[in-house]
Amino acid sequence: MKPQFMVKYGEEAHLQQLVNGKIRFAPSQTYVKIEEALHNKGQGDLLEGKMKLKMEGASMYHPDTDELIGILPAGNITISIQDVNNMPVFCLTQYGQENTTDYVDEKNYTISLSNEKVEGIQTDFPKATHALIILEPDKFIEDVKNIKNHQFVSEGIHYYDYDINSLQMFMFLTTGSEKIQTNAVMSMTYDNRYRHLLCKDISFSNQEEYRFIGLDELIMEPVFYSFSFNSQYLMVPIERLKQPLKIKM
């Protein structure tokens, strides 16, 4: 989905830091710890950066002798990829043209979010008081990717039903595309491990998340990067989004 506008939800002072050119990236394990500590499955996610497999049973054989080594019983397996939990992550929400009314063009429309959407955000992010509405998302994406001496990938989150083994998720993790390819080389490598941070369970789909992931360093604590914030924007209390908001740039 190409975003019509983006929204970063948070406390007003923290959002102002972003506008002032300081963007905060956190290690992805932050979201695991949030659910562990607060039992808040919304801002937190125990399966952040992990892959859940549902197995009906499997036999393991020696690669040279074909001797049966053992049999794994049916059950669920959670796979964690090396260093994924320490990759820097910055998240916000993306909204498309379907979340607008009175649409004239990309500079003249009305933001119309349902109360259910807004209240869902308030439930998932209880400390958030304000919404930073980024009106030129392409500029913002470019600004972040132009941070000096760092390399980022960014994309909207892919949502899958983690209670089943989604073939589309497996294809994305191994090839970078959800398209079913019979002759594709399918591999999960250290270099493409970041794809695990672009997948979430469908229970989070209401967040419509867009995510930036840092590729060139691992972090243990949140870090701030300096950048140029060039997009036009509005900052409003979250409650204001429960009413139509006219945009005219």
Protein backbone atom coordinates (compact mmCIF):
# COMPACT_ATOMS: atom_id res chain seq x y z
CA MET A 1 0.00 0.00 0.00
CA LYS A 2 1.27 3.46 -0.88
CA PRO A 3 0.59 5.68 2.16
CA GLN A 4 -1.48 8.82 1.65
CA PHE A 5 -0.34 10.03 5.05
CA MET A 6 1.45 8.62 8.08
CA VAL A 7 0.82 9.08 11.79
CA LYS A 8 3.23 8.67 14.68
CA TYR A 9 1.33 8.33 17.96
CA GLY A 10 3.00 9.31 21.23
CA GLU A 11 3.54 11.91 23.90
CA GLU A 12 3.66 15.46 22.58
CA ALA A 13 7.22 16.18 23.75
CA HIS A 14 8.53 13.01 22.11
CA LEU A 15 6.79 13.80 18.83
CA GLN A 16 8.25 17.31 18.87
CA GLN A 17 11.71 15.74 19.12
CA LEU A 18 10.99 13.94 15.85
CA VAL A 19 9.91 17.15 14.13
CA ASN A 20 13.09 18.80 15.46
CA GLY A 21 15.23 16.19 13.73
CA LYS A 22 15.84 13.50 16.35
CA ILE A 23 14.43 10.09 15.49
CA ARG A 24 14.41 7.33 18.12
CA PHE A 25 15.15 3.75 17.10
CA ALA A 26 14.72 0.95 19.63
CA PRO A 27 16.03 -2.63 19.51
CA SER A 28 13.20 -4.91 18.43
CA GLN A 29 13.48 -6.85 21.71
CA THR A 30 11.94 -3.77 23.37
CA TYR A 31 8.51 -4.91 22.20
CA VAL A 32 9.05 -8.43 23.54
CA LYS A 33 9.93 -6.98 26.95
CA ILE A 34 6.87 -4.70 26.93
CA GLU A 35 4.50 -7.64 26.63
CA GLU A 36 6.52 -9.65 29.17
CA ALA A 37 6.39 -6.82 31.71
CA LEU A 38 3.01 -5.21 31.05
CA HIS A 39 1.08 -8.05 29.38
CA ASN A 40 0.09 -5.47 26.77
CA LYS A 41 -0.26 -7.33 23.48
CA GLY A 42 -0.51 -4.30 21.27
CA GLN A 43 2.49 -2.12 21.90
CA GLY A 44 4.25 -5.32 22.97
CA ASP A 45 4.62 -8.59 21.05
CA LEU A 46 6.27 -11.77 22.36
CA LEU A 47 6.65 -13.00 18.77
CA GLU A 48 8.46 -9.87 17.54
CA GLY A 49 11.03 -10.99 14.96
CA LYS A 50 10.21 -14.68 15.38
CA MET A 51 8.70 -17.35 13.16
CA LYS A 52 6.05 -19.73 14.47
CA LEU A 53 5.82 -23.15 12.85
CA LYS A 54 2.99 -25.64 13.33
CA MET A 55 4.33 -29.17 12.80
CA GLU A 56 2.35 -32.36 12.32
CA GLY A 57 5.48 -34.41 13.07
CA ALA A 58 8.83 -34.81 11.37
CA SER A 59 11.51 -37.47 10.96
CA MET A 60 15.21 -36.57 10.97
CA TYR A 61 17.72 -38.56 8.92
CA HIS A 62 21.52 -38.46 8.76
CA PRO A 63 22.47 -36.57 5.54
CA ASP A 64 25.14 -39.14 4.56
CA THR A 65 23.78 -42.50 5.71
CA ASP A 66 20.02 -41.82 5.63
CA GLU A 67 19.90 -43.40 9.09
CA LEU A 68 16.85 -42.33 11.12
CA ILE A 69 18.13 -40.07 13.90
CA GLY A 70 14.88 -39.24 15.62
CA ILE A 71 11.23 -38.30 15.31
CA LEU A 72 9.83 -34.94 16.35
CA PRO A 73 6.28 -35.07 17.69
CA ALA A 74 3.53 -32.80 16.42
CA GLY A 75 3.51 -29.38 18.04
CA ASN A 76 4.39 -25.70 17.70
CA ILE A 77 7.96 -24.48 17.25
CA THR A 78 9.04 -20.85 17.59
CA ILE A 79 12.19 -19.95 15.65
CA SER A 80 14.32 -16.98 16.67
CA ILE A 81 16.90 -15.66 14.19
CA GLN A 82 20.37 -14.58 15.35
CA ASP A 83 20.72 -10.84 16.19
CA VAL A 84 17.22 -9.90 14.99
CA ASN A 85 16.27 -8.75 18.50
CA ASN A 86 19.05 -6.15 18.46
CA MET A 87 18.26 -4.56 15.11
CA PRO A 88 17.16 -0.88 15.38
CA VAL A 89 13.46 -0.35 14.60
CA PHE A 90 11.27 2.75 14.16
CA CYS A 91 7.52 2.28 13.70
CA LEU A 92 4.55 4.43 12.75
CA THR A 93 1.14 3.99 11.13
CA GLN A 94 0.39 4.31 7.43
CA TYR A 95 -3.01 5.23 6.02
CA GLY A 96 -4.13 5.07 2.41
CA GLN A 97 -6.67 7.01 0.38
CA GLU A 98 -9.38 4.71 1.75
CA ASN A 99 -8.98 6.61 5.04
CA THR A 100 -9.91 9.92 3.42
CA THR A 101 -13.10 11.60 2.24
CA ASP A 102 -13.75 14.62 0.01
CA TYR A 103 -10.61 13.63 -1.86
CA VAL A 104 -9.55 16.16 -4.50
CA ASP A 105 -5.84 15.36 -4.77
CA GLU A 106 -2.90 14.51 -2.50
CA LYS A 107 -2.89 18.06 -1.14
CA ASN A 108 -6.61 18.50 -0.59
CA TYR A 109 -8.68 15.92 1.27
CA THR A 110 -10.27 15.10 4.63
CA ILE A 111 -8.83 12.58 7.07
CA SER A 112 -11.64 10.31 8.28
CA LEU A 113 -10.69 7.63 10.77
CA SER A 114 -13.36 5.59 12.49
CA ASN A 115 -13.72 5.88 16.25
CA GLU A 116 -12.98 2.17 16.41
CA LYS A 117 -9.60 2.69 14.71
CA VAL A 118 -8.65 5.56 17.02
CA GLU A 119 -9.81 3.77 20.16
CA GLY A 120 -7.83 0.70 19.10
CA ILE A 121 -4.67 2.83 18.94
CA GLN A 122 -5.46 4.32 22.36
CA THR A 123 -5.81 0.82 23.79
CA ASP A 124 -2.57 -0.45 22.26
CA PHE A 125 -0.58 2.71 23.15
CA PRO A 126 -2.05 3.95 26.45
CA LYS A 127 0.62 6.61 27.03
CA ALA A 128 0.08 8.26 23.65
CA THR A 129 -1.68 11.61 23.87
CA HIS A 130 -1.01 13.14 20.44
CA ALA A 131 -0.81 12.27 16.77
CA LEU A 132 1.93 13.61 14.50
CA ILE A 133 0.35 13.52 11.04
CA ILE A 134 3.01 13.34 8.33
CA LEU A 135 1.40 14.76 5.21
CA GLU A 136 4.21 13.98 2.75
CA PRO A 137 5.18 10.38 3.54
CA ASP A 138 7.47 9.99 0.51
CA LYS A 139 9.57 12.91 1.76
CA PHE A 140 9.67 11.47 5.27
CA ILE A 141 10.79 8.03 4.04
CA GLU A 142 13.52 9.66 1.98
CA ASP A 143 14.62 11.83 4.91
CA VAL A 144 15.06 8.80 7.17
CA LYS A 145 16.90 6.80 4.53
CA ASN A 146 19.25 9.75 3.99
CA ILE A 147 20.54 9.62 7.57
CA LYS A 148 24.31 9.75 7.19
CA ASN A 149 26.48 6.70 7.83
CA HIS A 150 23.53 4.34 8.25
CA GLN A 151 21.56 1.99 6.02
CA PHE A 152 17.85 1.28 6.38
CA VAL A 153 15.13 -0.77 4.76
CA SER A 154 11.50 0.23 5.14
CA GLU A 155 8.17 -1.31 4.24
CA GLY A 156 4.63 -1.78 5.45
CA ILE A 157 4.20 -4.75 7.79
CA HIS A 158 2.91 -8.01 6.31
CA TYR A 159 0.20 -9.58 8.47
CA TYR A 160 -0.29 -13.35 8.63
CA ASP A 161 -2.32 -15.81 10.67
CA TYR A 162 0.31 -17.27 12.99
CA ASP A 163 -2.01 -20.17 13.91
CA ILE A 164 -1.41 -21.68 10.48
CA ASN A 165 1.72 -22.08 8.38
CA SER A 166 1.09 -19.39 5.80
CA LEU A 167 2.80 -20.25 2.53
CA GLN A 168 2.81 -16.54 1.62
CA MET A 169 4.78 -15.75 4.80
CA PHE A 170 7.28 -18.52 4.05
CA MET A 171 7.76 -17.20 0.52
CA PHE A 172 8.27 -13.65 1.79
CA LEU A 173 10.83 -14.71 4.40
CA THR A 174 12.81 -16.79 1.91
CA THR A 175 12.49 -14.79 -1.33
CA GLY A 176 11.26 -11.30 -0.37
CA SER A 177 8.01 -11.78 -2.30
CA GLU A 178 4.72 -13.42 -1.34
CA LYS A 179 4.32 -14.76 -4.88
CA ILE A 180 4.33 -18.56 -5.00
CA GLN A 181 7.39 -19.53 -7.05
CA THR A 182 7.97 -23.22 -7.76
CA ASN A 183 11.57 -22.84 -8.96
CA ALA A 184 12.71 -20.04 -6.66
CA VAL A 185 15.80 -20.34 -4.48
CA MET A 186 14.30 -20.21 -0.99
CA SER A 187 16.70 -19.39 1.82
CA MET A 188 16.65 -17.66 5.20
CA THR A 189 20.07 -16.07 5.59
CA TYR A 190 21.72 -13.75 8.07
CA ASP A 191 21.64 -10.92 5.53
CA ASN A 192 17.88 -11.15 4.98
CA ARG A 193 16.99 -11.75 8.63
CA TYR A 194 15.37 -8.29 8.76
CA ARG A 195 12.37 -9.75 6.89
CA HIS A 196 11.28 -11.38 10.16
CA LEU A 197 10.75 -7.86 11.52
CA LEU A 198 8.37 -7.12 8.64
CA CYS A 199 5.94 -9.89 9.63
CA LYS A 200 3.29 -9.83 12.36
CA ASP A 201 0.25 -11.80 13.40
CA ILE A 202 -3.10 -10.64 11.99
CA SER A 203 -4.18 -9.66 15.52
CA PHE A 204 -2.02 -6.53 15.03
CA SER A 205 -3.42 -5.61 11.61
CA ASN A 206 -5.48 -2.71 13.00
CA GLN A 207 -2.20 -0.86 13.59
CA GLU A 208 -1.44 -0.67 9.83
CA GLU A 209 2.23 -0.37 10.68
CA TYR A 210 5.05 0.97 8.52
CA ARG A 211 8.53 0.13 9.78
CA PHE A 212 12.13 1.27 9.30
CA ILE A 213 14.88 -1.24 10.18
CA GLY A 214 18.55 -0.39 10.59
CA LEU A 215 20.90 -2.82 8.84
CA ASP A 216 24.36 -1.64 9.78
CA GLU A 217 24.50 -1.89 13.57
CA LEU A 218 23.09 -3.81 16.51
CA ILE A 219 21.91 -1.98 19.61
CA MET A 220 21.06 -2.92 23.19
CA GLU A 221 19.32 0.34 24.13
CA PRO A 222 17.33 2.97 22.17
CA VAL A 223 19.41 5.36 20.06
CA PHE A 224 18.68 8.76 18.51
CA TYR A 225 19.77 9.63 14.97
CA SER A 226 19.86 13.18 13.63
CA PHE A 227 18.01 13.80 10.38
CA SER A 228 16.16 16.47 8.40
CA PHE A 229 12.38 16.46 8.83
CA ASN A 230 11.13 18.07 5.61
CA SER A 231 7.54 16.89 5.34
CA GLN A 232 4.59 19.13 6.04
CA TYR A 233 2.79 17.94 9.15
CA LEU A 234 0.09 18.53 11.75
CA MET A 235 0.22 17.67 15.43
CA VAL A 236 -3.13 17.18 17.17
CA PRO A 237 -4.48 15.43 20.27
CA ILE A 238 -5.49 11.87 19.42
CA GLU A 239 -9.10 12.63 20.35
CA ARG A 240 -9.21 15.14 17.49
CA LEU A 241 -8.96 12.26 15.02
CA LYS A 242 -12.40 11.04 16.05
CA GLN A 243 -13.79 13.90 13.94
CA PRO A 244 -13.07 14.61 10.24
CA LEU A 245 -9.91 16.67 9.80
CA LYS A 246 -9.58 18.84 6.70
CA ILE A 247 -6.18 18.85 4.99
CA LYS A 248 -5.26 21.61 2.57
CA MET A 249 -1.58 22.06 1.70
